[in-house]
Amino acid sequence: MIILVIFIIGVASIFYKRSMPVFGVRERTLQSVQTDVCIVDVRDYNESYKGEIPQAINVPVAYLKRYVEEIPGGNVHIVANSSLERNLAVRYFRKQQLNVVSYTIVSKYVNESCLFVV
């Protein structure tokens, strides 16, 4: 019985981290992001090279632990490909005491040519 309870708690924890929305972070387009905010692109390298964001730091979600020290302190804007990447990145950055102020989910804007700012 105890093993079943531990298993259910583990599954619920994984579901929470991946699927439950993160509150207190607004969605914005890249044009509306302030200049003093660090833009962190958490998409995979295979996706981010197709539409590079010149002023962004590219650290895929899988490498956040390894390269989190490359991200300067202060306010952070996340560029993600899905809500799953956004949720994982926001939760990890908050755990590392970084202030995530906004995010952009790129898959919503694939047909807009004005997404990427030079």
Foldseek 3Di string as FASTA:
>chain_A
DVVVVVVVVVVVVVCCLQPPADPQAAADFPVPDDPVAAEEEQEDPVPCVVPPAVRHHYHHLVCCVVCVVVDDADEYEYEAQDRRRVSNVVVVCVVVVHHYHYYYHCVVCPPPPPRHDD
